[in-house]
Amino acid sequence: MKISEISTETLEKIKSVRWDRIIEKHEGPESWESVLRYEEPEFLSVEECSILLPVDKSHHPNITIIRCIWSADKNSVTVFLSDTTYEDDPFFS
């Protein structure tokens, strides 16, 4: 699934949803509207489901999914991931 393939109605629903993240400390809730305006997010396939991550699609090759915790109805998910896009380690390959 690609974000360019979804309907305007679905895109408006996504904009109304809030999301949280923890990077050293809790941040959020955040707005999808700002992510869609300033970034180029894209769906990522995780455990055979398409998940829209609040990161630019240029990060996707550097993302490793560590763990997913799905709700019973699969309508929400907590994703633990590693994004090495800005890795500064000179020995990193």
PDB file of N, CA and C in Angstrom:
ATOM      1  N   MET A   1       0.851  -1.178   0.000  1.00  0.00           N
ATOM      2  CA  MET A   1       0.000   0.000   0.000  1.00  0.00           C
ATOM      3  C   MET A   1       0.895   1.239   0.000  1.00  0.00           C
ATOM      4  N   LYS A   2       0.486   2.215  -0.771  1.00  0.00           N
ATOM      5  CA  LYS A   2       1.212   3.485  -0.829  1.00  0.00           C
ATOM      6  C   LYS A   2       0.263   4.605  -0.418  1.00  0.00           C
ATOM      7  N   ILE A   3       0.821   5.619   0.197  1.00  0.00           N
ATOM      8  CA  ILE A   3      -0.006   6.736   0.662  1.00  0.00           C
ATOM      9  C   ILE A   3      -0.684   7.450  -0.514  1.00  0.00           C
ATOM     10  N   SER A   4      -0.046   7.431  -1.671  1.00  0.00           N
ATOM     11  CA  SER A   4      -0.629   8.070  -2.866  1.00  0.00           C
ATOM     12  C   SER A   4      -1.848   7.309  -3.386  1.00  0.00           C
ATOM     13  N   GLU A   5      -2.039   6.071  -2.934  1.00  0.00           N
ATOM     14  CA  GLU A   5      -3.150   5.245  -3.391  1.00  0.00           C
ATOM     15  C   GLU A   5      -4.402   5.357  -2.523  1.00  0.00           C
ATOM     16  N   ILE A   6      -4.303   6.026  -1.381  1.00  0.00           N
ATOM     17  CA  ILE A   6      -5.464   6.099  -0.499  1.00  0.00           C
ATOM     18  C   ILE A   6      -6.346   7.281  -0.876  1.00  0.00           C
ATOM     19  N   SER A   7      -7.606   7.165  -0.556  1.00  0.00           N
ATOM     20  CA  SER A   7      -8.580   8.205  -0.913  1.00  0.00           C
ATOM     21  C   SER A   7      -8.384   9.456  -0.064  1.00  0.00           C
ATOM     22  N   THR A   8      -8.921  10.556  -0.553  1.00  0.00           N
ATOM     23  CA  THR A   8      -8.881  11.820   0.193  1.00  0.00           C
ATOM     24  C   THR A   8      -9.607  11.666   1.524  1.00  0.00           C
ATOM     25  N   GLU A   9     -10.714  10.924   1.510  1.00  0.00           N
ATOM     26  CA  GLU A   9     -11.489  10.699   2.730  1.00  0.00           C
ATOM     27  C   GLU A   9     -10.648   9.949   3.774  1.00  0.00           C
ATOM     28  N   THR A  10      -9.932   8.926   3.347  1.00  0.00           N
ATOM     29  CA  THR A  10      -9.075   8.170   4.261  1.00  0.00           C
ATOM     30  C   THR A  10      -7.931   9.034   4.765  1.00  0.00           C
ATOM     31  N   LEU A  11      -7.362   9.834   3.888  1.00  0.00           N
ATOM     32  CA  LEU A  11      -6.284  10.736   4.278  1.00  0.00           C
ATOM     33  C   LEU A  11      -6.765  11.724   5.345  1.00  0.00           C
ATOM     34  N   GLU A  12      -7.965  12.234   5.207  1.00  0.00           N
ATOM     35  CA  GLU A  12      -8.529  13.140   6.212  1.00  0.00           C
ATOM     36  C   GLU A  12      -8.737  12.431   7.551  1.00  0.00           C
ATOM     37  N   LYS A  13      -9.120  11.160   7.509  1.00  0.00           N
ATOM     38  CA  LYS A  13      -9.268  10.388   8.748  1.00  0.00           C
ATOM     39  C   LYS A  13      -7.912  10.206   9.423  1.00  0.00           C
ATOM     40  N   ILE A  14      -6.883   9.930   8.624  1.00  0.00           N
ATOM     41  CA  ILE A  14      -5.538   9.775   9.180  1.00  0.00           C
ATOM     42  C   ILE A  14      -5.096  11.072   9.849  1.00  0.00           C
ATOM     43  N   LYS A  15      -5.371  12.202   9.222  1.00  0.00           N
ATOM     44  CA  LYS A  15      -4.978  13.498   9.785  1.00  0.00           C
ATOM     45  C   LYS A  15      -5.610  13.751  11.147  1.00  0.00           C
ATOM     46  N   SER A  16      -6.759  13.150  11.400  1.00  0.00           N
ATOM     47  CA  SER A  16      -7.448  13.377  12.671  1.00  0.00           C
ATOM     48  C   SER A  16      -6.941  12.478  13.798  1.00  0.00           C
ATOM     49  N   VAL A  17      -6.119  11.493  13.468  1.00  0.00           N
ATOM     50  CA  VAL A  17      -5.602  10.556  14.467  1.00  0.00           C
ATOM     51  C   VAL A  17      -4.340  11.123  15.108  1.00  0.00           C
ATOM     52  N   ARG A  18      -4.191  10.877  16.404  1.00  0.00           N
ATOM     53  CA  ARG A  18      -3.007  11.317  17.134  1.00  0.00           C
ATOM     54  C   ARG A  18      -2.120  10.108  17.391  1.00  0.00           C
ATOM     55  N   TRP A  19      -0.821  10.341  17.555  1.00  0.00           N
ATOM     56  CA  TRP A  19       0.126   9.270  17.825  1.00  0.00           C
ATOM     57  C   TRP A  19       1.138   9.740  18.856  1.00  0.00           C
ATOM     58  N   ASP A  20       1.741   8.780  19.549  1.00  0.00           N
ATOM     59  CA  ASP A  20       2.748   9.068  20.580  1.00  0.00           C
ATOM     60  C   ASP A  20       4.053   8.383  20.211  1.00  0.00           C
ATOM     61  N   ARG A  21       5.136   8.897  20.774  1.00  0.00           N
ATOM     62  CA  ARG A  21       6.434   8.243  20.630  1.00  0.00           C
ATOM     63  C   ARG A  21       7.235   8.454  21.889  1.00  0.00           C
ATOM     64  N   ILE A  22       8.186   7.550  22.073  1.00  0.00           N
ATOM     65  CA  ILE A  22       9.115   7.673  23.193  1.00  0.00           C
ATOM     66  C   ILE A  22      10.519   7.587  22.616  1.00  0.00           C
ATOM     67  N   ILE A  23      11.234   8.686  22.703  1.00  0.00           N
ATOM     68  CA  ILE A  23      12.645   8.751  22.325  1.00  0.00           C
ATOM     69  C   ILE A  23      13.334   9.381  23.525  1.00  0.00           C
ATOM     70  N   GLU A  24      13.821   8.545  24.413  1.00  0.00           N
ATOM     71  CA  GLU A  24      14.416   8.948  25.680  1.00  0.00           C
ATOM     72  C   GLU A  24      13.383   9.485  26.666  1.00  0.00           C
ATOM     73  N   LYS A  25      12.311  10.080  26.181  1.00  0.00           N
ATOM     74  CA  LYS A  25      11.221  10.533  27.045  1.00  0.00           C
ATOM     75  C   LYS A  25       9.940  10.522  26.222  1.00  0.00           C
ATOM     76  N   HIS A  26       8.809  10.548  26.912  1.00  0.00           N
ATOM     77  CA  HIS A  26       7.529  10.522  26.204  1.00  0.00           C
ATOM     78  C   HIS A  26       7.304  11.832  25.460  1.00  0.00           C
ATOM     79  N   GLU A  27       6.912  11.719  24.222  1.00  0.00           N
ATOM     80  CA  GLU A  27       6.573  12.890  23.418  1.00  0.00           C
ATOM     81  C   GLU A  27       5.238  12.621  22.750  1.00  0.00           C
ATOM     82  N   GLY A  28       4.347  13.555  22.852  1.00  0.00           N
ATOM     83  CA  GLY A  28       3.056  13.381  22.184  1.00  0.00           C
ATOM     84  C   GLY A  28       1.933  13.663  23.142  1.00  0.00           C
ATOM     85  N   PRO A  29       0.727  13.565  22.666  1.00  0.00           N
ATOM     86  CA  PRO A  29       0.370  13.076  21.338  1.00  0.00           C
ATOM     87  C   PRO A  29       0.720  14.085  20.240  1.00  0.00           C
ATOM     88  N   GLU A  30       1.070  13.524  19.093  1.00  0.00           N
ATOM     89  CA  GLU A  30       1.434  14.317  17.923  1.00  0.00           C
ATOM     90  C   GLU A  30       0.314  14.254  16.896  1.00  0.00           C
ATOM     91  N   SER A  31       0.375  15.139  15.938  1.00  0.00           N
ATOM     92  CA  SER A  31      -0.639  15.217  14.889  1.00  0.00           C
ATOM     93  C   SER A  31      -0.126  14.621  13.582  1.00  0.00           C
ATOM     94  N   TRP A  32      -0.916  13.771  12.955  1.00  0.00           N
ATOM     95  CA  TRP A  32      -0.554  13.246  11.635  1.00  0.00           C
ATOM     96  C   TRP A  32      -0.596  14.352  10.591  1.00  0.00           C
ATOM     97  N   GLU A  33      -1.415  15.351  10.828  1.00  0.00           N
ATOM     98  CA  GLU A  33      -1.527  16.440   9.849  1.00  0.00           C
ATOM     99  C   GLU A  33      -0.172  17.105   9.607  1.00  0.00           C
ATOM    100  N   SER A  34       0.583  17.357  10.664  1.00  0.00           N
ATOM    101  CA  SER A  34       1.892  17.997  10.483  1.00  0.00           C
ATOM    102  C   SER A  34       2.893  17.048   9.830  1.00  0.00           C
ATOM    103  N   VAL A  35       2.829  15.761  10.162  1.00  0.00           N
ATOM    104  CA  VAL A  35       3.716  14.785   9.529  1.00  0.00           C
ATOM    105  C   VAL A  35       3.449  14.748   8.024  1.00  0.00           C
ATOM    106  N   LEU A  36       2.186  14.714   7.655  1.00  0.00           N
ATOM    107  CA  LEU A  36       1.831  14.649   6.238  1.00  0.00           C
ATOM    108  C   LEU A  36       2.171  15.940   5.495  1.00  0.00           C
ATOM    109  N   ARG A  37       2.222  17.041   6.200  1.00  0.00           N
ATOM    110  CA  ARG A  37       2.542  18.316   5.577  1.00  0.00           C
ATOM    111  C   ARG A  37       4.055  18.511   5.392  1.00  0.00           C
ATOM    112  N   TYR A  38       4.848  18.109   6.381  1.00  0.00           N
ATOM    113  CA  TYR A  38       6.280  18.430   6.370  1.00  0.00           C
ATOM    114  C   TYR A  38       7.214  17.260   6.056  1.00  0.00           C
ATOM    115  N   GLU A  39       6.713  16.047   6.096  1.00  0.00           N
ATOM    116  CA  GLU A  39       7.530  14.857   5.831  1.00  0.00           C
ATOM    117  C   GLU A  39       6.965  14.126   4.613  1.00  0.00           C
ATOM    118  N   GLU A  40       7.643  13.063   4.235  1.00  0.00           N
ATOM    119  CA  GLU A  40       7.146  12.169   3.194  1.00  0.00           C
ATOM    120  C   GLU A  40       7.008  10.773   3.795  1.00  0.00           C
ATOM    121  N   PRO A  41       5.969  10.579   4.626  1.00  0.00           N
ATOM    122  CA  PRO A  41       5.789   9.261   5.236  1.00  0.00           C
ATOM    123  C   PRO A  41       5.291   8.260   4.194  1.00  0.00           C
ATOM    124  N   GLU A  42       5.494   7.007   4.493  1.00  0.00           N
ATOM    125  CA  GLU A  42       5.007   5.947   3.619  1.00  0.00           C
ATOM    126  C   GLU A  42       4.723   4.724   4.471  1.00  0.00           C
ATOM    127  N   PHE A  43       3.845   3.850   3.960  1.00  0.00           N
ATOM    128  CA  PHE A  43       3.517   2.630   4.675  1.00  0.00           C
ATOM    129  C   PHE A  43       4.705   1.675   4.642  1.00  0.00           C
ATOM    130  N   LEU A  44       4.862   0.943   5.733  1.00  0.00           N
ATOM    131  CA  LEU A  44       5.896  -0.067   5.856  1.00  0.00           C
ATOM    132  C   LEU A  44       5.182  -1.372   6.193  1.00  0.00           C
ATOM    133  N   SER A  45       5.558  -2.449   5.554  1.00  0.00           N
ATOM    134  CA  SER A  45       4.949  -3.748   5.824  1.00  0.00           C
ATOM    135  C   SER A  45       5.588  -4.351   7.069  1.00  0.00           C
ATOM    136  N   VAL A  46       4.757  -4.620   8.074  1.00  0.00           N
ATOM    137  CA  VAL A  46       5.217  -5.196   9.335  1.00  0.00           C
ATOM    138  C   VAL A  46       4.276  -6.348   9.671  1.00  0.00           C
ATOM    139  N   GLU A  47       4.830  -7.541   9.749  1.00  0.00           N
ATOM    140  CA  GLU A  47       4.034  -8.733  10.055  1.00  0.00           C
ATOM    141  C   GLU A  47       2.810  -8.820   9.146  1.00  0.00           C
ATOM    142  N   GLU A  48       3.028  -8.594   7.876  1.00  0.00           N
ATOM    143  CA  GLU A  48       2.007  -8.695   6.828  1.00  0.00           C
ATOM    144  C   GLU A  48       0.892  -7.655   6.951  1.00  0.00           C
ATOM    145  N   CYS A  49       1.140  -6.587   7.680  1.00  0.00           N
ATOM    146  CA  CYS A  49       0.196  -5.468   7.783  1.00  0.00           C
ATOM    147  C   CYS A  49       0.911  -4.198   7.366  1.00  0.00           C
ATOM    148  N   SER A  50       0.183  -3.290   6.740  1.00  0.00           N
ATOM    149  CA  SER A  50       0.753  -2.006   6.347  1.00  0.00           C
ATOM    150  C   SER A  50       0.617  -1.030   7.500  1.00  0.00           C
ATOM    151  N   ILE A  51       1.746  -0.461   7.928  1.00  0.00           N
ATOM    152  CA  ILE A  51       1.762   0.499   9.031  1.00  0.00           C
ATOM    153  C   ILE A  51       2.339   1.806   8.508  1.00  0.00           C
ATOM    154  N   LEU A  52       1.637   2.896   8.766  1.00  0.00           N
ATOM    155  CA  LEU A  52       2.129   4.217   8.395  1.00  0.00           C
ATOM    156  C   LEU A  52       2.938   4.754   9.561  1.00  0.00           C
ATOM    157  N   LEU A  53       4.248   4.878   9.350  1.00  0.00           N
ATOM    158  CA  LEU A  53       5.129   5.383  10.399  1.00  0.00           C
ATOM    159  C   LEU A  53       5.307   6.891  10.263  1.00  0.00           C
ATOM    160  N   PRO A  54       5.419   7.608  11.377  1.00  0.00           N
ATOM    161  CA  PRO A  54       5.597   9.060  11.323  1.00  0.00           C
ATOM    162  C   PRO A  54       7.056   9.457  11.083  1.00  0.00           C
ATOM    163  N   VAL A  55       7.668   8.824  10.093  1.00  0.00           N
ATOM    164  CA  VAL A  55       9.038   9.141   9.688  1.00  0.00           C
ATOM    165  C   VAL A  55       9.086   9.227   8.175  1.00  0.00           C
ATOM    166  N   ASP A  56      10.038   9.964   7.680  1.00  0.00           N
ATOM    167  CA  ASP A  56      10.194  10.114   6.243  1.00  0.00           C
ATOM    168  C   ASP A  56      10.535   8.766   5.610  1.00  0.00           C
ATOM    169  N   LYS A  57      10.019   8.522   4.410  1.00  0.00           N
ATOM    170  CA  LYS A  57      10.253   7.235   3.745  1.00  0.00           C
ATOM    171  C   LYS A  57      11.731   6.992   3.469  1.00  0.00           C
ATOM    172  N   SER A  58      12.551   8.035   3.445  1.00  0.00           N
ATOM    173  CA  SER A  58      13.989   7.862   3.244  1.00  0.00           C
ATOM    174  C   SER A  58      14.637   7.101   4.400  1.00  0.00           C
ATOM    175  N   HIS A  59      13.967   7.036   5.555  1.00  0.00           N
ATOM    176  CA  HIS A  59      14.480   6.311   6.714  1.00  0.00           C
ATOM    177  C   HIS A  59      14.216   4.808   6.618  1.00  0.00           C
ATOM    178  N   HIS A  60      13.260   4.399   5.824  1.00  0.00           N
ATOM    179  CA  HIS A  60      12.824   3.002   5.814  1.00  0.00           C
ATOM    180  C   HIS A  60      13.945   1.986   5.630  1.00  0.00           C
ATOM    181  N   PRO A  61      14.929   2.207   4.752  1.00  0.00           N
ATOM    182  CA  PRO A  61      16.008   1.216   4.635  1.00  0.00           C
ATOM    183  C   PRO A  61      16.833   1.070   5.920  1.00  0.00           C
ATOM    184  N   ASN A  62      16.750   2.047   6.805  1.00  0.00           N
ATOM    185  CA  ASN A  62      17.533   2.044   8.040  1.00  0.00           C
ATOM    186  C   ASN A  62      16.722   1.616   9.259  1.00  0.00           C
ATOM    187  N   ILE A  63      15.488   1.214   9.048  1.00  0.00           N
ATOM    188  CA  ILE A  63      14.606   0.840  10.154  1.00  0.00           C
ATOM    189  C   ILE A  63      14.590  -0.671  10.327  1.00  0.00           C
ATOM    190  N   THR A  64      14.776  -1.093  11.567  1.00  0.00           N
ATOM    191  CA  THR A  64      14.648  -2.497  11.940  1.00  0.00           C
ATOM    192  C   THR A  64      13.533  -2.588  12.968  1.00  0.00           C
ATOM    193  N   ILE A  65      12.559  -3.434  12.707  1.00  0.00           N
ATOM    194  CA  ILE A  65      11.472  -3.646  13.658  1.00  0.00           C
ATOM    195  C   ILE A  65      11.975  -4.615  14.722  1.00  0.00           C
ATOM    196  N   ILE A  66      11.907  -4.192  15.976  1.00  0.00           N
ATOM    197  CA  ILE A  66      12.370  -5.011  17.088  1.00  0.00           C
ATOM    198  C   ILE A  66      11.222  -5.838  17.653  1.00  0.00           C
ATOM    199  N   ARG A  67      10.066  -5.187  17.813  1.00  0.00           N
ATOM    200  CA  ARG A  67       8.910  -5.867  18.409  1.00  0.00           C
ATOM    201  C   ARG A  67       7.641  -5.103  18.066  1.00  0.00           C
ATOM    202  N   CYS A  68       6.537  -5.838  17.900  1.00  0.00           N
ATOM    203  CA  CYS A  68       5.217  -5.238  17.691  1.00  0.00           C
ATOM    204  C   CYS A  68       4.251  -5.834  18.706  1.00  0.00           C
ATOM    205  N   ILE A  69       3.428  -4.986  19.258  1.00  0.00           N
ATOM    206  CA  ILE A  69       2.369  -5.440  20.161  1.00  0.00           C
ATOM    207  C   ILE A  69       1.054  -4.936  19.574  1.00  0.00           C
ATOM    208  N   TRP A  70       0.255  -5.874  19.093  1.00  0.00           N
ATOM    209  CA  TRP A  70      -1.012  -5.541  18.448  1.00  0.00           C
ATOM    210  C   TRP A  70      -2.148  -5.585  19.457  1.00  0.00           C
ATOM    211  N   SER A  71      -3.137  -4.721  19.279  1.00  0.00           N
ATOM    212  CA  SER A  71      -4.360  -4.805  20.076  1.00  0.00           C
ATOM    213  C   SER A  71      -5.125  -6.045  19.620  1.00  0.00           C
ATOM    214  N   ALA A  72      -6.070  -6.514  20.421  1.00  0.00           N
ATOM    215  CA  ALA A  72      -6.829  -7.724  20.102  1.00  0.00           C
ATOM    216  C   ALA A  72      -7.547  -7.607  18.758  1.00  0.00           C
ATOM    217  N   ASP A  73      -8.042  -6.404  18.425  1.00  0.00           N
ATOM    218  CA  ASP A  73      -8.771  -6.215  17.167  1.00  0.00           C
ATOM    219  C   ASP A  73      -7.871  -5.761  16.014  1.00  0.00           C
ATOM    220  N   LYS A  74      -6.564  -5.665  16.277  1.00  0.00           N
ATOM    221  CA  LYS A  74      -5.557  -5.230  15.288  1.00  0.00           C
ATOM    222  C   LYS A  74      -5.819  -3.816  14.758  1.00  0.00           C
ATOM    223  N   ASN A  75      -6.499  -2.981  15.547  1.00  0.00           N
ATOM    224  CA  ASN A  75      -6.734  -1.589  15.150  1.00  0.00           C
ATOM    225  C   ASN A  75      -5.670  -0.644  15.669  1.00  0.00           C
ATOM    226  N   SER A  76      -4.827  -1.117  16.566  1.00  0.00           N
ATOM    227  CA  SER A  76      -3.723  -0.292  17.043  1.00  0.00           C
ATOM    228  C   SER A  76      -2.520  -1.192  17.306  1.00  0.00           C
ATOM    229  N   VAL A  77      -1.357  -0.563  17.253  1.00  0.00           N
ATOM    230  CA  VAL A  77      -0.122  -1.320  17.421  1.00  0.00           C
ATOM    231  C   VAL A  77       0.914  -0.447  18.114  1.00  0.00           C
ATOM    232  N   THR A  78       1.713  -1.073  18.960  1.00  0.00           N
ATOM    233  CA  THR A  78       2.885  -0.430  19.531  1.00  0.00           C
ATOM    234  C   THR A  78       4.084  -1.063  18.848  1.00  0.00           C
ATOM    235  N   VAL A  79       4.917  -0.223  18.238  1.00  0.00           N
ATOM    236  CA  VAL A  79       6.067  -0.715  17.483  1.00  0.00           C
ATOM    237  C   VAL A  79       7.347  -0.248  18.170  1.00  0.00           C
ATOM    238  N   PHE A  80       8.212  -1.194  18.451  1.00  0.00           N
ATOM    239  CA  PHE A  80       9.546  -0.890  18.943  1.00  0.00           C
ATOM    240  C   PHE A  80      10.466  -1.044  17.743  1.00  0.00           C
ATOM    241  N   LEU A  81      11.220   0.006  17.435  1.00  0.00           N
ATOM    242  CA  LEU A  81      12.064  -0.058  16.251  1.00  0.00           C
ATOM    243  C   LEU A  81      13.393   0.628  16.487  1.00  0.00           C
ATOM    244  N   SER A  82      14.308   0.329  15.615  1.00  0.00           N
ATOM    245  CA  SER A  82      15.603   0.989  15.613  1.00  0.00           C
ATOM    246  C   SER A  82      15.744   1.696  14.273  1.00  0.00           C
ATOM    247  N   ASP A  83      16.064   2.985  14.325  1.00  0.00           N
ATOM    248  CA  ASP A  83      16.284   3.767  13.108  1.00  0.00           C
ATOM    249  C   ASP A  83      17.719   4.271  13.151  1.00  0.00           C
ATOM    250  N   THR A  84      18.550   3.735  12.278  1.00  0.00           N
ATOM    251  CA  THR A  84      19.971   4.082  12.279  1.00  0.00           C
ATOM    252  C   THR A  84      20.308   5.146  11.241  1.00  0.00           C
ATOM    253  N   THR A  85      19.318   5.888  10.803  1.00  0.00           N
ATOM    254  CA  THR A  85      19.531   6.918   9.781  1.00  0.00           C
ATOM    255  C   THR A  85      20.620   7.899  10.180  1.00  0.00           C
ATOM    256  N   TYR A  86      20.639   8.287  11.426  1.00  0.00           N
ATOM    257  CA  TYR A  86      21.604   9.290  11.872  1.00  0.00           C
ATOM    258  C   TYR A  86      22.706   8.683  12.724  1.00  0.00           C
ATOM    259  N   GLU A  87      23.016   7.425  12.503  1.00  0.00           N
ATOM    260  CA  GLU A  87      24.064   6.732  13.253  1.00  0.00           C
ATOM    261  C   GLU A  87      25.399   7.405  13.029  1.00  0.00           C
ATOM    262  N   ASP A  88      26.099   7.756  14.105  1.00  0.00           N
ATOM    263  CA  ASP A  88      27.374   8.462  14.019  1.00  0.00           C
ATOM    264  C   ASP A  88      28.580   7.557  14.230  1.00  0.00           C
ATOM    265  N   ASP A  89      28.365   6.304  14.544  1.00  0.00           N
ATOM    266  CA  ASP A  89      29.459   5.387  14.835  1.00  0.00           C
ATOM    267  C   ASP A  89      30.291   5.141  13.570  1.00  0.00           C
ATOM    268  N   PRO A  90      31.591   5.450  13.569  1.00  0.00           N
ATOM    269  CA  PRO A  90      32.423   5.270  12.377  1.00  0.00           C
ATOM    270  C   PRO A  90      32.588   3.799  11.990  1.00  0.00           C
ATOM    271  N   PHE A  91      32.296   2.875  12.914  1.00  0.00           N
ATOM    272  CA  PHE A  91      32.415   1.443  12.621  1.00  0.00           C
ATOM    273  C   PHE A  91      31.093   0.856  12.158  1.00  0.00           C
ATOM    274  N   PHE A  92      30.060   1.677  12.095  1.00  0.00           N
ATOM    275  CA  PHE A  92      28.757   1.220  11.649  1.00  0.00           C
ATOM    276  C   PHE A  92      28.797   0.954  10.148  1.00  0.00           C
ATOM    277  N   SER A  93      28.270  -0.183   9.723  1.00  0.00           N
ATOM    278  CA  SER A  93      28.265  -0.473   8.284  1.00  0.00           C
ATOM    279  C   SER A  93      26.875  -0.795   7.802  1.00  0.00           C
TER     280      SER A  93
END
